[in-house]
Protein backbone atom coordinates (compact mmCIF):
# COMPACT_ATOMS: atom_id res chain seq x y z
CA MET A 1 0.00 0.00 0.00
CA LEU A 2 1.34 3.43 -0.96
CA LEU A 3 1.43 6.24 1.56
CA SER A 4 -1.13 9.01 1.54
CA ILE A 5 1.33 11.64 2.72
CA TYR A 6 1.14 14.28 0.00
CA THR A 7 -0.94 16.58 2.23
CA PHE A 8 1.66 16.23 4.97
CA ILE A 9 4.43 17.19 2.57
CA LEU A 10 2.63 20.32 1.42
CA SER A 11 1.72 21.46 4.92
CA SER A 12 5.18 20.86 6.34
CA ILE A 13 7.46 22.33 3.66
CA SER A 14 5.52 25.15 2.10
CA PHE A 15 8.00 27.74 0.92
CA PHE A 16 8.91 30.19 -1.81
CA ILE A 17 12.06 29.91 -3.85
CA THR A 18 14.76 32.38 -4.77
CA PRO A 19 15.98 32.79 -8.36
CA LEU A 20 19.17 30.87 -7.61
CA ASP A 21 17.64 27.71 -6.13
CA ALA A 22 18.74 24.74 -8.20
CA TRP A 23 18.16 21.21 -9.38
CA GLY A 24 20.96 20.86 -6.86
CA SER A 25 18.43 22.01 -4.26
CA ILE A 26 14.82 22.47 -5.44
CA GLY A 27 15.13 19.86 -8.19
CA HIS A 28 16.52 17.24 -5.82
CA ILE A 29 13.87 18.09 -3.24
CA ALA A 30 11.17 17.61 -5.89
CA VAL A 31 12.62 14.23 -6.90
CA ALA A 32 12.57 13.12 -3.26
CA ASP A 33 9.05 14.46 -2.62
CA ILE A 34 7.70 12.67 -5.68
CA ALA A 35 9.45 9.49 -4.60
CA GLN A 36 8.02 9.77 -1.08
CA THR A 37 4.44 9.86 -2.36
CA ASN A 38 5.10 6.49 -4.03
CA LEU A 39 6.76 4.63 -1.18
CA THR A 40 5.11 1.68 0.50
CA TYR A 41 4.35 2.09 4.18
CA ASN A 42 7.10 -0.32 5.24
CA THR A 43 9.69 1.41 3.04
CA TYR A 44 8.68 4.83 4.32
CA LYS A 45 8.91 3.80 7.97
CA HIS A 46 12.29 2.12 7.47
CA ILE A 47 13.80 5.05 5.58
CA THR A 48 12.51 7.81 7.85
CA ASN A 49 13.78 5.88 10.84
CA ILE A 50 17.26 5.71 9.27
CA ILE A 51 17.43 9.44 8.49
CA SER A 52 15.53 10.53 11.64
CA ASN A 53 13.23 12.76 9.60
CA ASP A 54 9.72 12.32 8.19
CA ASN A 55 10.70 13.82 4.81
CA ILE A 56 13.32 12.14 2.67
CA SER A 57 13.75 15.47 0.88
CA SER A 58 15.58 16.63 4.00
CA VAL A 59 18.61 14.60 2.88
CA ALA A 60 18.21 14.98 -0.89
CA ASN A 61 21.05 17.51 -1.15
CA TRP A 62 23.39 16.02 1.44
CA ALA A 63 25.73 14.59 -1.21
CA ASP A 64 26.18 18.08 -2.70
CA GLU A 65 26.62 19.68 0.71
CA ILE A 66 29.57 17.45 1.62
CA ARG A 67 31.38 17.20 -1.71
CA ASN A 68 33.69 20.17 -1.03
CA ILE A 69 34.70 18.96 2.42
CA PRO A 70 38.24 17.56 2.10
CA GLU A 71 37.46 14.08 3.37
CA TRP A 72 34.62 13.79 0.85
CA HIS A 73 36.43 15.14 -2.23
CA TRP A 74 36.64 11.60 -3.60
CA THR A 75 32.87 11.69 -4.20
CA GLU A 76 33.04 14.54 -6.74
CA PRO A 77 33.24 12.33 -9.89
CA LEU A 78 30.31 10.25 -8.65
CA HIS A 79 27.86 13.03 -9.55
CA PHE A 80 28.25 12.83 -13.32
CA ILE A 81 29.21 10.92 -16.45
CA ASN A 82 31.67 12.34 -18.99
CA THR A 83 30.76 11.36 -22.55
CA ASN A 84 32.65 12.02 -25.77
CA ASP A 85 31.45 15.10 -27.66
CA TRP A 86 28.54 14.46 -30.03
CA ILE A 87 28.76 10.68 -29.71
CA CYS A 88 25.38 11.06 -28.02
CA ASP A 89 25.31 7.87 -26.00
CA TYR A 90 26.75 6.41 -22.82
CA ILE A 91 28.67 3.16 -22.64
CA GLU A 92 29.78 2.19 -19.16
CA LYS A 93 33.07 0.53 -20.12
CA ARG A 94 34.03 3.54 -22.23
CA ASP A 95 32.77 6.45 -20.12
CA CYS A 96 32.53 5.51 -16.42
CA TYR A 97 35.97 6.66 -15.25
CA ASN A 98 37.33 9.41 -13.03
CA GLN A 99 40.33 11.62 -13.84
CA ILE A 100 42.81 8.94 -12.84
CA GLU A 101 41.03 6.28 -14.91
CA GLU A 102 39.43 4.40 -12.02
CA TYR A 103 36.43 2.29 -13.08
CA PRO A 104 33.43 2.31 -12.59
CA TYR A 105 33.75 5.84 -11.21
CA CYS A 106 30.73 7.86 -12.36
CA VAL A 107 27.11 8.40 -11.32
CA ASP A 108 25.99 5.16 -12.95
CA GLY A 109 28.69 3.22 -11.10
CA ALA A 110 27.77 5.05 -7.88
CA ILE A 111 24.11 4.05 -8.14
CA GLN A 112 25.06 0.43 -8.73
CA ASN A 113 27.58 0.51 -5.89
CA TYR A 114 25.23 1.99 -3.29
CA THR A 115 22.41 -0.29 -4.40
CA THR A 116 24.67 -3.26 -3.66
CA LEU A 117 25.84 -1.79 -0.37
CA ILE A 118 22.26 -1.21 0.77
CA LYS A 119 21.38 -4.82 -0.06
CA ASN A 120 24.10 -5.83 2.41
CA ASP A 121 23.36 -3.14 5.01
CA ASN A 122 19.98 -1.43 4.70
CA ASN A 123 20.39 0.60 7.89
CA ASN A 124 23.31 2.74 6.72
CA ALA A 125 22.18 6.36 6.37
CA ASP A 126 25.06 7.50 4.14
CA TYR A 127 24.38 4.78 1.56
CA LEU A 128 20.73 5.84 1.42
CA LYS A 129 21.50 9.56 1.15
CA PHE A 130 23.96 9.00 -1.69
CA LEU A 131 21.46 6.86 -3.57
CA ILE A 132 18.64 9.40 -3.22
CA HIS A 133 20.87 12.12 -4.61
CA PHE A 134 22.53 10.20 -7.43
CA VAL A 135 19.24 8.97 -8.90
CA GLY A 136 18.35 12.65 -9.25
CA ASP A 137 21.72 13.55 -10.77
CA ILE A 138 21.66 10.92 -13.50
CA HIS A 139 18.33 12.23 -14.82
CA GLN A 140 19.74 15.74 -15.37
CA PRO A 141 20.98 15.54 -19.00
CA LEU A 142 24.07 17.68 -18.45
CA HIS A 143 25.20 15.39 -15.65
CA CYS A 144 25.78 13.07 -18.60
CA GLY A 145 27.25 15.77 -20.82
CA PHE A 146 30.46 16.28 -22.78
CA LYS A 147 33.88 15.68 -21.32
CA SER A 148 35.41 18.67 -23.14
CA ASP A 149 33.14 21.26 -21.46
CA LYS A 150 32.56 19.42 -18.17
CA GLY A 151 28.86 18.92 -18.79
CA GLY A 152 28.34 22.49 -19.96
CA ASN A 153 30.18 24.05 -17.03
CA THR A 154 32.67 25.88 -19.27
CA ILE A 155 30.05 27.23 -21.71
CA ASN A 156 28.85 30.63 -20.51
CA VAL A 157 25.51 31.89 -21.80
CA HIS A 158 23.13 34.78 -21.15
CA PHE A 159 19.60 34.08 -19.92
CA ASN A 160 17.06 36.37 -18.28
CA ASN A 161 19.67 39.07 -17.66
CA HIS A 162 22.07 36.62 -16.02
CA LEU A 163 25.40 35.28 -17.23
CA VAL A 164 25.46 31.60 -16.28
CA ASN A 165 27.11 28.46 -17.50
CA LEU A 166 25.03 26.01 -19.49
CA HIS A 167 25.10 23.41 -16.74
CA SER A 168 23.75 25.90 -14.19
CA LEU A 169 21.10 26.97 -16.69
CA TRP A 170 19.68 23.44 -16.59
CA ASP A 171 20.40 22.92 -12.91
CA THR A 172 18.94 26.22 -11.79
CA ASN A 173 17.77 29.03 -14.02
CA LEU A 174 15.24 27.32 -16.28
CA ILE A 175 13.54 25.74 -13.26
CA SER A 176 13.52 28.99 -11.28
CA PHE A 177 12.14 30.90 -14.28
CA ARG A 178 9.34 28.34 -14.61
CA ILE A 179 8.31 28.42 -10.95
CA PHE A 180 8.54 32.22 -10.71
CA ASN A 181 6.50 32.91 -13.83
CA ASP A 182 3.95 30.08 -13.84
CA PHE A 183 3.51 29.09 -10.19
CA ASN A 184 3.68 32.37 -8.28
CA ASN A 185 7.22 31.48 -7.19
CA ASN A 186 5.65 28.80 -4.99
CA TYR A 187 7.31 25.39 -4.82
CA ASN A 188 4.18 23.57 -3.64
CA GLN A 189 2.12 24.75 -6.60
CA TRP A 190 4.83 23.48 -8.92
CA LEU A 191 5.10 20.16 -7.07
CA ASN A 192 1.35 19.69 -7.33
CA TYR A 193 1.65 20.14 -11.10
CA LEU A 194 4.54 17.65 -11.33
CA LEU A 195 2.60 15.02 -9.39
CA LYS A 196 -0.09 15.10 -12.07
CA LEU A 197 2.38 14.17 -14.82
CA SER A 198 2.74 10.56 -15.90
CA PRO A 199 6.20 9.01 -15.55
CA GLN A 200 8.03 6.99 -18.17
CA LEU A 201 9.08 3.88 -16.27
CA ASP A 202 11.49 1.24 -17.53
CA CYS A 203 13.27 -1.13 -15.15
CA ILE A 204 14.23 -1.01 -11.49
CA GLY A 205 17.68 0.44 -10.88
CA CYS A 206 18.83 0.27 -14.52
CA SER A 207 21.13 3.28 -14.20
CA GLN A 208 23.13 2.49 -17.33
CA PHE A 209 19.94 2.91 -19.34
CA TRP A 210 19.13 6.14 -17.47
CA GLY A 211 22.59 7.52 -18.18
CA ASN A 212 22.32 6.68 -21.86
CA ASN A 213 18.94 8.39 -22.08
CA SER A 214 20.28 11.54 -20.41
CA ALA A 215 23.30 11.60 -22.74
CA GLN A 216 20.94 11.48 -25.71
CA LEU A 217 18.79 14.29 -24.29
CA ALA A 218 21.89 16.43 -23.70
CA CYS A 219 22.93 16.01 -27.33
CA LYS A 220 19.49 16.65 -28.77
CA TYR A 221 18.34 19.47 -26.51
CA SER A 222 20.79 20.88 -23.95
CA TYR A 223 23.60 21.64 -26.40
CA VAL A 224 21.35 22.75 -29.27
CA ASN A 225 19.67 26.09 -29.88
CA SER A 226 15.92 26.48 -30.19
CA ASP A 227 16.13 25.92 -33.96
CA GLY A 228 17.05 22.31 -33.20
CA ILE A 229 20.14 22.56 -35.43
CA THR A 230 22.83 25.01 -34.35
CA HIS A 231 25.01 24.22 -31.36
CA ILE A 232 25.17 26.35 -28.22
CA LYS A 233 28.48 28.17 -27.97
CA ASN A 234 30.20 30.32 -25.41
CA GLY A 235 28.62 33.78 -25.15
CA ASP A 236 25.27 32.84 -26.71
CA TYR A 237 22.05 34.55 -25.65
CA ILE A 238 19.43 31.99 -24.68
CA ASN A 239 15.94 33.02 -25.82
CA ILE A 240 12.47 32.12 -24.65
CA ASP A 241 12.14 29.57 -27.46
CA TYR A 242 15.00 27.57 -25.96
CA TYR A 243 13.25 27.67 -22.59
CA ASN A 244 9.93 26.59 -24.11
CA ARG A 245 11.64 23.76 -25.99
CA ASN A 246 13.32 22.35 -22.91
CA ILE A 247 11.31 23.03 -19.76
CA ASP A 248 8.97 20.08 -20.38
CA ILE A 249 11.98 17.80 -20.72
CA ILE A 250 13.44 19.02 -17.44
CA GLU A 251 10.16 18.51 -15.61
CA LYS A 252 9.58 15.07 -17.10
CA GLN A 253 13.07 14.03 -16.05
CA ILE A 254 12.42 15.19 -12.49
CA VAL A 255 9.16 13.23 -12.44
CA ASN A 256 10.81 10.16 -13.93
CA ALA A 257 13.59 10.35 -11.37
CA GLY A 258 11.10 10.55 -8.51
CA TYR A 259 9.10 7.52 -9.58
CA LYS A 260 12.20 5.48 -10.40
CA LEU A 261 13.75 6.35 -7.05
CA ALA A 262 10.58 5.15 -5.33
CA GLU A 263 10.65 1.88 -7.27
CA LEU A 264 14.25 1.29 -6.30
CA LEU A 265 13.74 2.17 -2.63
CA ASN A 266 10.65 -0.03 -2.40
CA HIS A 267 12.70 -2.88 -3.85
CA LEU A 268 15.57 -2.36 -1.44
CA TYR A 269 13.64 -1.65 1.76
CA GLN A 270 10.50 -3.78 1.36
């Protein structure tokens, strides 16, 4: 039986966002909130007992919050996949490496690793918090972007009177623009809309497939202008047509991530 806790979520975390809240914050919270509405009762009780909080969104950004602490620097490559430019797919044996060629050292490998660790110890809070975060990361297309520009981080563009890098545009600015303009800058209104969307489900925990899908989306949409042909380059001005072309993709990926996270957690903590 799935939990009827959506009302609790809305009443307990009602808030407005600022223009700089990100997939690294609001996006990950949305993934976790969507997942929580699809947890079985037993899974929910087990997980909230582990994290000592009734909302799994409370730990959704933990992996980002610790990544710059010296003893956690080793986790940095676990947040993304580096693919070859314009190859437009992800192959684990080719792409899942860190800077010193350790394998499988990418977000796909991290999801598989923490899934296995949880199967052996399903009371470890760190394993759970990493898994919650990384399932969100792998559904952001530019977390599976090009090696040469670090997933769009070295491509600076102009959008809505801000100079941002392309990765941050997808992490942050397009989402913030959407919530500010269409949902009165209110997270709960936006979440309510997302919960009405239908997910595209595939298989439980198949992170290699998820990474490949995100790599394809990055090629087709993230790195391409609104004409669907020309490539985004450093210094470009991003227009409203680019936003309109891509915001549905971003939201569908957040919804997909939430439902797939719930499936995986229900499988691991049933």
